[in-house]
Amino acid sequence: MSDDIPPPMTELEGAAVTAHEAYTAYLHAGFTKPEALELVKAMLIAGIQNAQ
C-alpha cells in the first residue's frame, strides 16, 4: 500500500468538477441534456465576464 498523497486539485480541475456537478444537478432537476448544457454554458460565460 502506498502512502502517496495525491496532489491538490488545480483551480481548473475544481472548476471542471463544479461545472459537472451543475450539469448533473440540472439533469436530475428534469432538464434535458441540451438544456443542461446551455445552462452550464451560460454559467461559465457569466463567470468569465464577471472576472474581466
PDB file of N, CA and C in Angstrom:
ATOM      1  N   MET A   1       0.839  -1.179   0.000  1.00  0.00           N
ATOM      2  CA  MET A   1       0.000   0.000   0.000  1.00  0.00           C
ATOM      3  C   MET A   1       0.883   1.240   0.000  1.00  0.00           C
ATOM      4  N   SER A   2       0.557   2.177  -0.833  1.00  0.00           N
ATOM      5  CA  SER A   2       1.353   3.378  -0.973  1.00  0.00           C
ATOM      6  C   SER A   2       0.813   4.478  -0.068  1.00  0.00           C
ATOM      7  N   ASP A   3       1.728   5.245   0.504  1.00  0.00           N
ATOM      8  CA  ASP A   3       1.341   6.377   1.342  1.00  0.00           C
ATOM      9  C   ASP A   3       1.342   7.678   0.549  1.00  0.00           C
ATOM     10  N   ASP A   4       1.398   7.579  -0.775  1.00  0.00           N
ATOM     11  CA  ASP A   4       1.408   8.773  -1.608  1.00  0.00           C
ATOM     12  C   ASP A   4       0.092   9.527  -1.471  1.00  0.00           C
ATOM     13  N   ILE A   5       0.206  10.815  -1.233  1.00  0.00           N
ATOM     14  CA  ILE A   5      -0.962  11.679  -1.153  1.00  0.00           C
ATOM     15  C   ILE A   5      -1.115  12.343  -2.514  1.00  0.00           C
ATOM     16  N   PRO A   6      -2.318  12.277  -3.086  1.00  0.00           N
ATOM     17  CA  PRO A   6      -2.490  12.898  -4.402  1.00  0.00           C
ATOM     18  C   PRO A   6      -2.264  14.400  -4.308  1.00  0.00           C
ATOM     19  N   PRO A   7      -1.770  14.983  -5.390  1.00  0.00           N
ATOM     20  CA  PRO A   7      -1.551  16.436  -5.370  1.00  0.00           C
ATOM     21  C   PRO A   7      -2.880  17.168  -5.224  1.00  0.00           C
ATOM     22  N   PRO A   8      -2.861  18.375  -4.676  1.00  0.00           N
ATOM     23  CA  PRO A   8      -4.119  19.121  -4.551  1.00  0.00           C
ATOM     24  C   PRO A   8      -4.704  19.428  -5.922  1.00  0.00           C
ATOM     25  N   MET A   9      -6.003  19.604  -5.933  1.00  0.00           N
ATOM     26  CA  MET A   9      -6.712  19.893  -7.174  1.00  0.00           C
ATOM     27  C   MET A   9      -6.342  21.305  -7.653  1.00  0.00           C
ATOM     28  N   THR A  10      -6.111  21.429  -8.945  1.00  0.00           N
ATOM     29  CA  THR A  10      -5.824  22.750  -9.512  1.00  0.00           C
ATOM     30  C   THR A  10      -7.121  23.552  -9.599  1.00  0.00           C
ATOM     31  N   GLU A  11      -6.988  24.848  -9.826  1.00  0.00           N
ATOM     32  CA  GLU A  11      -8.165  25.710  -9.971  1.00  0.00           C
ATOM     33  C   GLU A  11      -9.014  25.261 -11.162  1.00  0.00           C
ATOM     34  N   LEU A  12      -8.357  24.870 -12.249  1.00  0.00           N
ATOM     35  CA  LEU A  12      -9.081  24.416 -13.437  1.00  0.00           C
ATOM     36  C   LEU A  12      -9.820  23.109 -13.157  1.00  0.00           C
ATOM     37  N   GLU A  13      -9.170  22.186 -12.457  1.00  0.00           N
ATOM     38  CA  GLU A  13      -9.840  20.928 -12.110  1.00  0.00           C
ATOM     39  C   GLU A  13     -11.052  21.181 -11.216  1.00  0.00           C
ATOM     40  N   GLY A  14     -10.903  22.100 -10.284  1.00  0.00           N
ATOM     41  CA  GLY A  14     -12.027  22.447  -9.413  1.00  0.00           C
ATOM     42  C   GLY A  14     -13.189  23.033 -10.189  1.00  0.00           C
ATOM     43  N   ALA A  15     -12.881  23.888 -11.154  1.00  0.00           N
ATOM     44  CA  ALA A  15     -13.926  24.473 -11.991  1.00  0.00           C
ATOM     45  C   ALA A  15     -14.624  23.407 -12.831  1.00  0.00           C
ATOM     46  N   ALA A  16     -13.857  22.447 -13.311  1.00  0.00           N
ATOM     47  CA  ALA A  16     -14.445  21.359 -14.105  1.00  0.00           C
ATOM     48  C   ALA A  16     -15.385  20.511 -13.249  1.00  0.00           C
ATOM     49  N   VAL A  17     -14.981  20.245 -12.025  1.00  0.00           N
ATOM     50  CA  VAL A  17     -15.832  19.477 -11.108  1.00  0.00           C
ATOM     51  C   VAL A  17     -17.125  20.246 -10.840  1.00  0.00           C
ATOM     52  N   THR A  18     -17.021  21.541 -10.603  1.00  0.00           N
ATOM     53  CA  THR A  18     -18.201  22.370 -10.343  1.00  0.00           C
ATOM     54  C   THR A  18     -19.140  22.378 -11.543  1.00  0.00           C
ATOM     55  N   ALA A  19     -18.580  22.515 -12.742  1.00  0.00           N
ATOM     56  CA  ALA A  19     -19.408  22.514 -13.958  1.00  0.00           C
ATOM     57  C   ALA A  19     -20.114  21.174 -14.129  1.00  0.00           C
ATOM     58  N   HIS A  20     -19.404  20.087 -13.863  1.00  0.00           N
ATOM     59  CA  HIS A  20     -20.019  18.756 -13.990  1.00  0.00           C
ATOM     60  C   HIS A  20     -21.124  18.565 -12.957  1.00  0.00           C
ATOM     61  N   GLU A  21     -20.887  19.018 -11.743  1.00  0.00           N
ATOM     62  CA  GLU A  21     -21.910  18.908 -10.698  1.00  0.00           C
ATOM     63  C   GLU A  21     -23.154  19.715 -11.062  1.00  0.00           C
ATOM     64  N   ALA A  22     -22.953  20.905 -11.623  1.00  0.00           N
ATOM     65  CA  ALA A  22     -24.096  21.718 -12.046  1.00  0.00           C
ATOM     66  C   ALA A  22     -24.860  21.013 -13.161  1.00  0.00           C
ATOM     67  N   TYR A  23     -24.129  20.486 -14.145  1.00  0.00           N
ATOM     68  CA  TYR A  23     -24.762  19.771 -15.266  1.00  0.00           C
ATOM     69  C   TYR A  23     -25.596  18.595 -14.746  1.00  0.00           C
ATOM     70  N   THR A  24     -25.007  17.815 -13.857  1.00  0.00           N
ATOM     71  CA  THR A  24     -25.710  16.657 -13.294  1.00  0.00           C
ATOM     72  C   THR A  24     -26.934  17.089 -12.495  1.00  0.00           C
ATOM     73  N   ALA A  25     -26.802  18.169 -11.742  1.00  0.00           N
ATOM     74  CA  ALA A  25     -27.940  18.666 -10.961  1.00  0.00           C
ATOM     75  C   ALA A  25     -29.068  19.110 -11.876  1.00  0.00           C
ATOM     76  N   TYR A  26     -28.741  19.783 -12.969  1.00  0.00           N
ATOM     77  CA  TYR A  26     -29.778  20.200 -13.922  1.00  0.00           C
ATOM     78  C   TYR A  26     -30.484  18.984 -14.516  1.00  0.00           C
ATOM     79  N   LEU A  27     -29.733  17.939 -14.831  1.00  0.00           N
ATOM     80  CA  LEU A  27     -30.353  16.726 -15.360  1.00  0.00           C
ATOM     81  C   LEU A  27     -31.295  16.100 -14.332  1.00  0.00           C
ATOM     82  N   HIS A  28     -30.851  16.028 -13.085  1.00  0.00           N
ATOM     83  CA  HIS A  28     -31.693  15.453 -12.029  1.00  0.00           C
ATOM     84  C   HIS A  28     -32.921  16.324 -11.757  1.00  0.00           C
ATOM     85  N   ALA A  29     -32.820  17.614 -12.059  1.00  0.00           N
ATOM     86  CA  ALA A  29     -33.955  18.522 -11.866  1.00  0.00           C
ATOM     87  C   ALA A  29     -34.969  18.419 -12.999  1.00  0.00           C
ATOM     88  N   GLY A  30     -34.624  17.649 -14.036  1.00  0.00           N
ATOM     89  CA  GLY A  30     -35.578  17.430 -15.116  1.00  0.00           C
ATOM     90  C   GLY A  30     -35.267  18.120 -16.429  1.00  0.00           C
ATOM     91  N   PHE A  31     -34.158  18.858 -16.476  1.00  0.00           N
ATOM     92  CA  PHE A  31     -33.781  19.487 -17.735  1.00  0.00           C
ATOM     93  C   PHE A  31     -33.250  18.429 -18.695  1.00  0.00           C
ATOM     94  N   THR A  32     -33.402  18.680 -19.994  1.00  0.00           N
ATOM     95  CA  THR A  32     -32.829  17.773 -20.992  1.00  0.00           C
ATOM     96  C   THR A  32     -31.321  18.002 -21.045  1.00  0.00           C
ATOM     97  N   LYS A  33     -30.602  17.091 -21.689  1.00  0.00           N
ATOM     98  CA  LYS A  33     -29.149  17.260 -21.819  1.00  0.00           C
ATOM     99  C   LYS A  33     -28.784  18.563 -22.529  1.00  0.00           C
ATOM    100  N   PRO A  34     -29.435  18.892 -23.662  1.00  0.00           N
ATOM    101  CA  PRO A  34     -29.108  20.165 -24.313  1.00  0.00           C
ATOM    102  C   PRO A  34     -29.426  21.383 -23.435  1.00  0.00           C
ATOM    103  N   GLU A  35     -30.541  21.328 -22.707  1.00  0.00           N
ATOM    104  CA  GLU A  35     -30.892  22.434 -21.816  1.00  0.00           C
ATOM    105  C   GLU A  35     -29.857  22.577 -20.692  1.00  0.00           C
ATOM    106  N   ALA A  36     -29.479  21.450 -20.102  1.00  0.00           N
ATOM    107  CA  ALA A  36     -28.496  21.474 -19.017  1.00  0.00           C
ATOM    108  C   ALA A  36     -27.165  22.029 -19.511  1.00  0.00           C
ATOM    109  N   LEU A  37     -26.767  21.634 -20.699  1.00  0.00           N
ATOM    110  CA  LEU A  37     -25.509  22.125 -21.263  1.00  0.00           C
ATOM    111  C   LEU A  37     -25.571  23.631 -21.512  1.00  0.00           C
ATOM    112  N   GLU A  38     -26.692  24.113 -22.015  1.00  0.00           N
ATOM    113  CA  GLU A  38     -26.854  25.556 -22.245  1.00  0.00           C
ATOM    114  C   GLU A  38     -26.800  26.327 -20.927  1.00  0.00           C
ATOM    115  N   LEU A  39     -27.391  25.781 -19.880  1.00  0.00           N
ATOM    116  CA  LEU A  39     -27.362  26.445 -18.582  1.00  0.00           C
ATOM    117  C   LEU A  39     -25.940  26.501 -18.021  1.00  0.00           C
ATOM    118  N   VAL A  40     -25.200  25.411 -18.157  1.00  0.00           N
ATOM    119  CA  VAL A  40     -23.807  25.395 -17.697  1.00  0.00           C
ATOM    120  C   VAL A  40     -22.988  26.371 -18.533  1.00  0.00           C
ATOM    121  N   LYS A  41     -23.226  26.388 -19.832  1.00  0.00           N
ATOM    122  CA  LYS A  41     -22.513  27.326 -20.704  1.00  0.00           C
ATOM    123  C   LYS A  41     -22.773  28.758 -20.271  1.00  0.00           C
ATOM    124  N   ALA A  42     -24.027  29.089 -19.982  1.00  0.00           N
ATOM    125  CA  ALA A  42     -24.377  30.440 -19.539  1.00  0.00           C
ATOM    126  C   ALA A  42     -23.687  30.774 -18.219  1.00  0.00           C
ATOM    127  N   MET A  43     -23.610  29.787 -17.326  1.00  0.00           N
ATOM    128  CA  MET A  43     -22.949  29.970 -16.040  1.00  0.00           C
ATOM    129  C   MET A  43     -21.464  30.264 -16.249  1.00  0.00           C
ATOM    130  N   LEU A  44     -20.815  29.527 -17.133  1.00  0.00           N
ATOM    131  CA  LEU A  44     -19.397  29.732 -17.405  1.00  0.00           C
ATOM    132  C   LEU A  44     -19.141  31.080 -18.072  1.00  0.00           C
ATOM    133  N   ILE A  45     -19.969  31.453 -19.024  1.00  0.00           N
ATOM    134  CA  ILE A  45     -19.813  32.745 -19.698  1.00  0.00           C
ATOM    135  C   ILE A  45     -19.979  33.885 -18.704  1.00  0.00           C
ATOM    136  N   ALA A  46     -20.976  33.794 -17.853  1.00  0.00           N
ATOM    137  CA  ALA A  46     -21.205  34.838 -16.848  1.00  0.00           C
ATOM    138  C   ALA A  46     -20.000  34.943 -15.911  1.00  0.00           C
ATOM    139  N   GLY A  47     -19.424  33.817 -15.535  1.00  0.00           N
ATOM    140  CA  GLY A  47     -18.257  33.830 -14.667  1.00  0.00           C
ATOM    141  C   GLY A  47     -17.053  34.466 -15.334  1.00  0.00           C
ATOM    142  N   ILE A  48     -16.881  34.199 -16.605  1.00  0.00           N
ATOM    143  CA  ILE A  48     -15.754  34.783 -17.355  1.00  0.00           C
ATOM    144  C   ILE A  48     -15.949  36.295 -17.485  1.00  0.00           C
ATOM    145  N   GLN A  49     -17.177  36.709 -17.791  1.00  0.00           N
ATOM    146  CA  GLN A  49     -17.459  38.140 -17.961  1.00  0.00           C
ATOM    147  C   GLN A  49     -17.291  38.886 -16.645  1.00  0.00           C
ATOM    148  N   ASN A  50     -17.666  38.277 -15.534  1.00  0.00           N
ATOM    149  CA  ASN A  50     -17.517  38.928 -14.230  1.00  0.00           C
ATOM    150  C   ASN A  50     -16.062  39.021 -13.804  1.00  0.00           C
ATOM    151  N   ALA A  51     -15.227  38.127 -14.319  1.00  0.00           N
ATOM    152  CA  ALA A  51     -13.813  38.120 -13.960  1.00  0.00           C
ATOM    153  C   ALA A  51     -13.021  39.198 -14.696  1.00  0.00           C
ATOM    154  N   GLN A  52     -13.581  39.728 -15.755  1.00  0.00           N
ATOM    155  CA  GLN A  52     -12.854  40.724 -16.569  1.00  0.00           C
ATOM    156  C   GLN A  52     -12.993  42.116 -16.020  1.00  0.00           C
TER     157      GLN A  52
END
